[in-house]
Amino acid sequence: MLPKTNQRCALLLGGATLLCAAPAIAQEPHLSTREAPYRSHRLLVVGFATSAILHADAVCPNDLALCPLGGGGGIAVAIGRRTSASREWLIGYDLSVRNARNLFASATLQQVRFEYRWVYASPGSNVEAFVGLGGGVVAYGERFGVTTLGPALSASVGGSYYLSPFVNLGFVGRLEALRFLVPFDTGDGVRRSDGGVATVLLGGYVTATFRGP
């Protein structure tokens, strides 16, 4: 009689275990929390910039006192999209007024650029940092005119602080290599952009970024 009693007890115990486990299994989908997919959003960036010439190359082949492209500053605007928590891209336009050593009355450097960024957001804080690579087209001349133009490549690093979920303030440091392809003469008898490798600029940008839907 003892073996039969043991079998009945085992069956009762197994049934009770299943009954207790069933509610837990049924509730498990409600208790588990899955991370929601990242929702991409638009970006609008505005900023003020300043930059200096590190290497003038063929733009200033002889005397730096007669160099038509010097330091300067201006504004920058860009639109783009944050496609994931760690990726974003921007298409922008920069306009800066340059020191042209009186060879131009009002020299301007215009740039249309594309930049792709890898973003690192600090968990539990409003701070994030990024590195970026980009390229574009630059044009240089009197006021908004185009005396010479060419391609540009850039590398940037920066960071920002979120004032709200929709606005952040940041700083960007950018190293740019410009190559003017069209030779030009500013009237001083010196022909420029006839050769060389690149003109190198180092710039700093103070930016405000607005997030959209």
C-alpha atoms as a PDB file:
ATOM      1  CA  MET A   1       0.000   0.000   0.000  1.00  0.00           C
ATOM      2  CA  LEU A   2       2.897   2.389   0.635  1.00  0.00           C
ATOM      3  CA  PRO A   3       4.075   2.590  -2.998  1.00  0.00           C
ATOM      4  CA  LYS A   4       0.561   3.520  -4.169  1.00  0.00           C
ATOM      5  CA  THR A   5       0.318   6.178  -1.487  1.00  0.00           C
ATOM      6  CA  ASN A   6       3.679   7.615  -2.555  1.00  0.00           C
ATOM      7  CA  GLN A   7       2.546   7.706  -6.191  1.00  0.00           C
ATOM      8  CA  ARG A   8      -0.645   9.573  -5.247  1.00  0.00           C
ATOM      9  CA  CYS A   9       1.320  12.077  -3.188  1.00  0.00           C
ATOM     10  CA  ALA A  10       3.735  12.632  -6.065  1.00  0.00           C
ATOM     11  CA  LEU A  11       0.881  13.213  -8.512  1.00  0.00           C
ATOM     12  CA  LEU A  12      -0.822  15.650  -6.140  1.00  0.00           C
ATOM     13  CA  LEU A  13       2.447  17.497  -5.572  1.00  0.00           C
ATOM     14  CA  GLY A  14       3.133  17.729  -9.318  1.00  0.00           C
ATOM     15  CA  GLY A  15      -0.364  19.030 -10.004  1.00  0.00           C
ATOM     16  CA  ALA A  16      -0.057  21.676  -7.323  1.00  0.00           C
ATOM     17  CA  THR A  17       3.295  22.787  -8.765  1.00  0.00           C
ATOM     18  CA  LEU A  18       1.795  23.181 -12.234  1.00  0.00           C
ATOM     19  CA  LEU A  19      -1.144  25.177 -10.861  1.00  0.00           C
ATOM     20  CA  CYS A  20       1.201  27.535  -9.054  1.00  0.00           C
ATOM     21  CA  ALA A  21       3.479  27.948 -12.069  1.00  0.00           C
ATOM     22  CA  ALA A  22       0.659  28.625 -14.531  1.00  0.00           C
ATOM     23  CA  PRO A  23      -0.252  32.120 -13.206  1.00  0.00           C
ATOM     24  CA  ALA A  24       3.429  33.104 -13.163  1.00  0.00           C
ATOM     25  CA  ILE A  25       3.838  31.996 -16.787  1.00  0.00           C
ATOM     26  CA  ALA A  26       0.677  33.825 -17.776  1.00  0.00           C
ATOM     27  CA  GLN A  27       1.879  37.017 -16.101  1.00  0.00           C
ATOM     28  CA  GLU A  28       5.432  36.857 -17.450  1.00  0.00           C
ATOM     29  CA  PRO A  29       4.718  38.788 -20.692  1.00  0.00           C
ATOM     30  CA  HIS A  30       3.227  41.603 -18.604  1.00  0.00           C
ATOM     31  CA  LEU A  31       6.175  41.697 -16.213  1.00  0.00           C
ATOM     32  CA  SER A  32       8.893  41.635 -18.854  1.00  0.00           C
ATOM     33  CA  THR A  33       9.878  45.064 -20.145  1.00  0.00           C
ATOM     34  CA  ARG A  34      11.243  45.293 -23.646  1.00  0.00           C
ATOM     35  CA  GLU A  35      13.208  48.357 -24.737  1.00  0.00           C
ATOM     36  CA  ALA A  36      11.179  50.399 -27.211  1.00  0.00           C
ATOM     37  CA  PRO A  37      12.748  50.846 -30.674  1.00  0.00           C
ATOM     38  CA  TYR A  38      14.618  54.129 -31.125  1.00  0.00           C
ATOM     39  CA  ARG A  39      12.534  56.786 -32.824  1.00  0.00           C
ATOM     40  CA  SER A  40      14.548  58.846 -35.292  1.00  0.00           C
ATOM     41  CA  HIS A  41      14.009  62.609 -35.345  1.00  0.00           C
ATOM     42  CA  ARG A  42      14.991  65.692 -37.305  1.00  0.00           C
ATOM     43  CA  LEU A  43      17.724  68.138 -36.299  1.00  0.00           C
ATOM     44  CA  LEU A  44      18.153  71.858 -36.874  1.00  0.00           C
ATOM     45  CA  VAL A  45      21.560  73.285 -35.960  1.00  0.00           C
ATOM     46  CA  VAL A  46      22.533  76.969 -35.846  1.00  0.00           C
ATOM     47  CA  GLY A  47      25.856  78.303 -34.675  1.00  0.00           C
ATOM     48  CA  PHE A  48      28.592  80.912 -34.639  1.00  0.00           C
ATOM     49  CA  ALA A  49      32.050  80.008 -35.864  1.00  0.00           C
ATOM     50  CA  THR A  50      35.613  81.256 -35.858  1.00  0.00           C
ATOM     51  CA  SER A  51      38.602  79.728 -37.618  1.00  0.00           C
ATOM     52  CA  ALA A  52      42.272  80.302 -38.323  1.00  0.00           C
ATOM     53  CA  ILE A  53      44.564  79.240 -41.162  1.00  0.00           C
ATOM     54  CA  LEU A  54      47.079  76.594 -40.123  1.00  0.00           C
ATOM     55  CA  HIS A  55      48.573  76.147 -43.592  1.00  0.00           C
ATOM     56  CA  ALA A  56      47.820  78.420 -46.550  1.00  0.00           C
ATOM     57  CA  ASP A  57      49.623  76.445 -49.273  1.00  0.00           C
ATOM     58  CA  ALA A  58      49.081  77.733 -52.840  1.00  0.00           C
ATOM     59  CA  VAL A  59      46.663  80.484 -51.754  1.00  0.00           C
ATOM     60  CA  CYS A  60      49.643  82.363 -50.268  1.00  0.00           C
ATOM     61  CA  PRO A  61      52.662  81.166 -52.277  1.00  0.00           C
ATOM     62  CA  ASN A  62      55.010  84.031 -51.432  1.00  0.00           C
ATOM     63  CA  ASP A  63      54.380  86.622 -48.751  1.00  0.00           C
ATOM     64  CA  LEU A  64      51.866  86.103 -45.932  1.00  0.00           C
ATOM     65  CA  ALA A  65      51.395  89.864 -45.836  1.00  0.00           C
ATOM     66  CA  LEU A  66      49.711  89.538 -49.239  1.00  0.00           C
ATOM     67  CA  CYS A  67      47.665  86.458 -48.357  1.00  0.00           C
ATOM     68  CA  PRO A  68      44.015  86.903 -49.444  1.00  0.00           C
ATOM     69  CA  LEU A  69      42.730  84.213 -47.096  1.00  0.00           C
ATOM     70  CA  GLY A  70      43.184  84.811 -43.396  1.00  0.00           C
ATOM     71  CA  GLY A  71      41.333  84.094 -40.193  1.00  0.00           C
ATOM     72  CA  GLY A  72      37.712  85.007 -39.737  1.00  0.00           C
ATOM     73  CA  GLY A  73      34.321  84.020 -38.442  1.00  0.00           C
ATOM     74  CA  GLY A  74      30.662  83.803 -39.298  1.00  0.00           C
ATOM     75  CA  ILE A  75      27.537  81.695 -39.021  1.00  0.00           C
ATOM     76  CA  ALA A  76      26.589  78.100 -39.753  1.00  0.00           C
ATOM     77  CA  VAL A  77      23.229  76.379 -40.255  1.00  0.00           C
ATOM     78  CA  ALA A  78      22.451  72.723 -40.869  1.00  0.00           C
ATOM     79  CA  ILE A  79      19.598  70.256 -41.022  1.00  0.00           C
ATOM     80  CA  GLY A  80      19.833  66.535 -40.477  1.00  0.00           C
ATOM     81  CA  ARG A  81      18.495  63.482 -38.740  1.00  0.00           C
ATOM     82  CA  ARG A  82      19.383  61.349 -35.725  1.00  0.00           C
ATOM     83  CA  THR A  83      18.804  57.887 -37.139  1.00  0.00           C
ATOM     84  CA  SER A  84      19.710  55.944 -33.984  1.00  0.00           C
ATOM     85  CA  ALA A  85      20.947  56.576 -30.464  1.00  0.00           C
ATOM     86  CA  SER A  86      24.535  56.700 -31.759  1.00  0.00           C
ATOM     87  CA  ARG A  87      24.261  57.899 -35.382  1.00  0.00           C
ATOM     88  CA  GLU A  88      23.287  61.163 -37.059  1.00  0.00           C
ATOM     89  CA  TRP A  89      23.969  63.104 -40.254  1.00  0.00           C
ATOM     90  CA  LEU A  90      23.851  66.788 -41.211  1.00  0.00           C
ATOM     91  CA  ILE A  91      23.775  68.887 -44.389  1.00  0.00           C
ATOM     92  CA  GLY A  92      24.782  72.491 -43.773  1.00  0.00           C
ATOM     93  CA  TYR A  93      25.870  75.869 -45.075  1.00  0.00           C
ATOM     94  CA  ASP A  94      28.650  77.992 -43.542  1.00  0.00           C
ATOM     95  CA  LEU A  95      29.382  81.630 -44.287  1.00  0.00           C
ATOM     96  CA  SER A  96      32.419  83.395 -42.834  1.00  0.00           C
ATOM     97  CA  VAL A  97      34.013  86.786 -43.402  1.00  0.00           C
ATOM     98  CA  ARG A  98      37.787  86.517 -43.820  1.00  0.00           C
ATOM     99  CA  ASN A  99      40.759  88.794 -43.333  1.00  0.00           C
ATOM    100  CA  ALA A 100      41.957  89.360 -46.915  1.00  0.00           C
ATOM    101  CA  ARG A 101      44.805  91.867 -46.209  1.00  0.00           C
ATOM    102  CA  ASN A 102      42.918  94.519 -48.236  1.00  0.00           C
ATOM    103  CA  LEU A 103      43.154  92.375 -51.368  1.00  0.00           C
ATOM    104  CA  PHE A 104      39.396  91.962 -51.114  1.00  0.00           C
ATOM    105  CA  ALA A 105      37.153  94.662 -49.692  1.00  0.00           C
ATOM    106  CA  SER A 106      34.955  92.046 -48.037  1.00  0.00           C
ATOM    107  CA  ALA A 107      36.125  88.482 -48.574  1.00  0.00           C
ATOM    108  CA  THR A 108      33.717  85.639 -47.811  1.00  0.00           C
ATOM    109  CA  LEU A 109      34.240  81.900 -47.596  1.00  0.00           C
ATOM    110  CA  GLN A 110      31.124  79.840 -48.297  1.00  0.00           C
ATOM    111  CA  GLN A 111      30.814  76.126 -47.680  1.00  0.00           C
ATOM    112  CA  VAL A 112      28.149  73.537 -48.419  1.00  0.00           C
ATOM    113  CA  ARG A 113      28.965  70.469 -46.368  1.00  0.00           C
ATOM    114  CA  PHE A 114      27.813  66.997 -45.384  1.00  0.00           C
ATOM    115  CA  GLU A 115      28.813  65.400 -42.086  1.00  0.00           C
ATOM    116  CA  TYR A 116      28.228  61.995 -40.549  1.00  0.00           C
ATOM    117  CA  ARG A 117      28.582  61.655 -36.767  1.00  0.00           C
ATOM    118  CA  TRP A 118      29.049  58.874 -34.251  1.00  0.00           C
ATOM    119  CA  VAL A 119      27.429  59.925 -30.966  1.00  0.00           C
ATOM    120  CA  TYR A 120      28.067  58.775 -27.400  1.00  0.00           C
ATOM    121  CA  ALA A 121      25.371  59.663 -24.873  1.00  0.00           C
ATOM    122  CA  SER A 122      26.265  59.486 -21.185  1.00  0.00           C
ATOM    123  CA  PRO A 123      23.667  57.369 -19.330  1.00  0.00           C
ATOM    124  CA  GLY A 124      21.878  59.222 -16.576  1.00  0.00           C
ATOM    125  CA  SER A 125      23.054  62.670 -17.665  1.00  0.00           C
ATOM    126  CA  ASN A 126      22.227  65.355 -20.213  1.00  0.00           C
ATOM    127  CA  VAL A 127      25.683  65.274 -21.804  1.00  0.00           C
ATOM    128  CA  GLU A 128      26.720  63.643 -25.058  1.00  0.00           C
ATOM    129  CA  ALA A 129      29.846  63.697 -27.227  1.00  0.00           C
ATOM    130  CA  PHE A 130      30.546  62.879 -30.852  1.00  0.00           C
ATOM    131  CA  VAL A 131      33.145  62.543 -33.587  1.00  0.00           C
ATOM    132  CA  GLY A 132      32.359  63.235 -37.215  1.00  0.00           C
ATOM    133  CA  LEU A 133      33.727  63.028 -40.745  1.00  0.00           C
ATOM    134  CA  GLY A 134      32.532  65.198 -43.600  1.00  0.00           C
ATOM    135  CA  GLY A 135      33.130  66.832 -46.926  1.00  0.00           C
ATOM    136  CA  GLY A 136      31.708  69.404 -49.262  1.00  0.00           C
ATOM    137  CA  VAL A 137      32.331  72.287 -51.646  1.00  0.00           C
ATOM    138  CA  VAL A 138      33.895  75.640 -50.727  1.00  0.00           C
ATOM    139  CA  ALA A 139      33.737  78.946 -52.625  1.00  0.00           C
ATOM    140  CA  TYR A 140      35.812  82.057 -51.943  1.00  0.00           C
ATOM    141  CA  GLY A 141      35.521  85.574 -53.306  1.00  0.00           C
ATOM    142  CA  GLU A 142      34.424  89.169 -52.935  1.00  0.00           C
ATOM    143  CA  ARG A 143      31.300  89.346 -50.775  1.00  0.00           C
ATOM    144  CA  PHE A 144      29.034  86.566 -52.060  1.00  0.00           C
ATOM    145  CA  GLY A 145      30.889  86.233 -55.347  1.00  0.00           C
ATOM    146  CA  VAL A 146      32.918  83.191 -56.369  1.00  0.00           C
ATOM    147  CA  THR A 147      36.540  83.856 -57.335  1.00  0.00           C
ATOM    148  CA  THR A 148      37.712  80.301 -56.725  1.00  0.00           C
ATOM    149  CA  LEU A 149      36.195  77.049 -55.482  1.00  0.00           C
ATOM    150  CA  GLY A 150      37.031  73.443 -54.754  1.00  0.00           C
ATOM    151  CA  PRO A 151      36.410  70.420 -52.512  1.00  0.00           C
ATOM    152  CA  ALA A 152      36.871  70.127 -48.753  1.00  0.00           C
ATOM    153  CA  LEU A 153      37.290  67.329 -46.226  1.00  0.00           C
ATOM    154  CA  SER A 154      36.815  67.690 -42.476  1.00  0.00           C
ATOM    155  CA  ALA A 155      37.085  65.875 -39.173  1.00  0.00           C
ATOM    156  CA  SER A 156      35.268  67.144 -36.091  1.00  0.00           C
ATOM    157  CA  VAL A 157      34.863  66.418 -32.408  1.00  0.00           C
ATOM    158  CA  GLY A 158      32.432  68.006 -29.980  1.00  0.00           C
ATOM    159  CA  GLY A 159      29.926  67.707 -27.210  1.00  0.00           C
ATOM    160  CA  SER A 160      26.600  69.136 -26.090  1.00  0.00           C
ATOM    161  CA  TYR A 161      24.385  69.586 -23.052  1.00  0.00           C
ATOM    162  CA  TYR A 162      20.606  69.165 -23.232  1.00  0.00           C
ATOM    163  CA  LEU A 163      18.697  72.068 -21.738  1.00  0.00           C
ATOM    164  CA  SER A 164      15.462  70.181 -22.500  1.00  0.00           C
ATOM    165  CA  PRO A 165      14.459  67.095 -24.507  1.00  0.00           C
ATOM    166  CA  PHE A 166      14.248  69.336 -27.578  1.00  0.00           C
ATOM    167  CA  VAL A 167      17.163  71.811 -27.258  1.00  0.00           C
ATOM    168  CA  ASN A 168      20.875  71.427 -26.562  1.00  0.00           C
ATOM    169  CA  LEU A 169      23.885  73.741 -26.562  1.00  0.00           C
ATOM    170  CA  GLY A 170      27.258  72.511 -27.724  1.00  0.00           C
ATOM    171  CA  PHE A 171      30.763  73.166 -28.998  1.00  0.00           C
ATOM    172  CA  VAL A 172      32.411  71.690 -32.092  1.00  0.00           C
ATOM    173  CA  GLY A 173      36.076  71.732 -33.047  1.00  0.00           C
ATOM    174  CA  ARG A 174      36.720  71.094 -36.727  1.00  0.00           C
ATOM    175  CA  LEU A 175      39.863  70.534 -38.785  1.00  0.00           C
ATOM    176  CA  GLU A 176      39.316  71.260 -42.491  1.00  0.00           C
ATOM    177  CA  ALA A 177      41.408  70.731 -45.592  1.00  0.00           C
ATOM    178  CA  LEU A 178      40.378  72.894 -48.576  1.00  0.00           C
ATOM    179  CA  ARG A 179      41.721  72.558 -52.106  1.00  0.00           C
ATOM    180  CA  PHE A 180      40.936  75.500 -54.384  1.00  0.00           C
ATOM    181  CA  LEU A 181      40.955  74.251 -57.978  1.00  0.00           C
ATOM    182  CA  VAL A 182      40.376  77.514 -59.891  1.00  0.00           C
ATOM    183  CA  PRO A 183      43.469  79.783 -60.154  1.00  0.00           C
ATOM    184  CA  PHE A 184      42.820  83.444 -59.430  1.00  0.00           C
ATOM    185  CA  ASP A 185      44.564  86.822 -59.235  1.00  0.00           C
ATOM    186  CA  THR A 186      43.457  89.471 -56.740  1.00  0.00           C
ATOM    187  CA  GLY A 187      45.088  92.305 -58.702  1.00  0.00           C
ATOM    188  CA  ASP A 188      48.490  92.226 -57.040  1.00  0.00           C
ATOM    189  CA  GLY A 189      50.078  90.249 -59.879  1.00  0.00           C
ATOM    190  CA  VAL A 190      50.338  87.013 -57.885  1.00  0.00           C
ATOM    191  CA  ARG A 191      48.576  83.980 -59.342  1.00  0.00           C
ATOM    192  CA  ARG A 192      47.131  81.758 -56.642  1.00  0.00           C
ATOM    193  CA  SER A 193      45.720  78.229 -56.302  1.00  0.00           C
ATOM    194  CA  ASP A 194      47.925  76.991 -59.108  1.00  0.00           C
ATOM    195  CA  GLY A 195      49.212  73.985 -57.206  1.00  0.00           C
ATOM    196  CA  GLY A 196      49.963  72.536 -53.816  1.00  0.00           C
ATOM    197  CA  VAL A 197      48.007  70.117 -51.692  1.00  0.00           C
ATOM    198  CA  ALA A 198      45.513  71.891 -49.435  1.00  0.00           C
ATOM    199  CA  THR A 199      44.746  74.869 -47.282  1.00  0.00           C
ATOM    200  CA  VAL A 200      44.172  73.743 -43.679  1.00  0.00           C
ATOM    201  CA  LEU A 201      41.793  75.529 -41.274  1.00  0.00           C
ATOM    202  CA  LEU A 202      41.126  74.938 -37.599  1.00  0.00           C
ATOM    203  CA  GLY A 203      37.701  76.147 -36.486  1.00  0.00           C
ATOM    204  CA  GLY A 204      35.501  76.292 -33.419  1.00  0.00           C
ATOM    205  CA  TYR A 205      31.684  76.406 -33.423  1.00  0.00           C
ATOM    206  CA  VAL A 206      29.249  77.303 -30.646  1.00  0.00           C
ATOM    207  CA  THR A 207      25.957  75.652 -31.615  1.00  0.00           C
ATOM    208  CA  ALA A 208      22.340  75.251 -30.615  1.00  0.00           C
ATOM    209  CA  THR A 209      20.489  72.155 -31.807  1.00  0.00           C
ATOM    210  CA  PHE A 210      16.717  71.848 -31.972  1.00  0.00           C
ATOM    211  CA  ARG A 211      15.092  68.425 -32.169  1.00  0.00           C
ATOM    212  CA  GLY A 212      11.949  67.897 -34.201  1.00  0.00           C
ATOM    213  CA  PRO A 213       9.568  64.976 -34.821  1.00  0.00           C
END
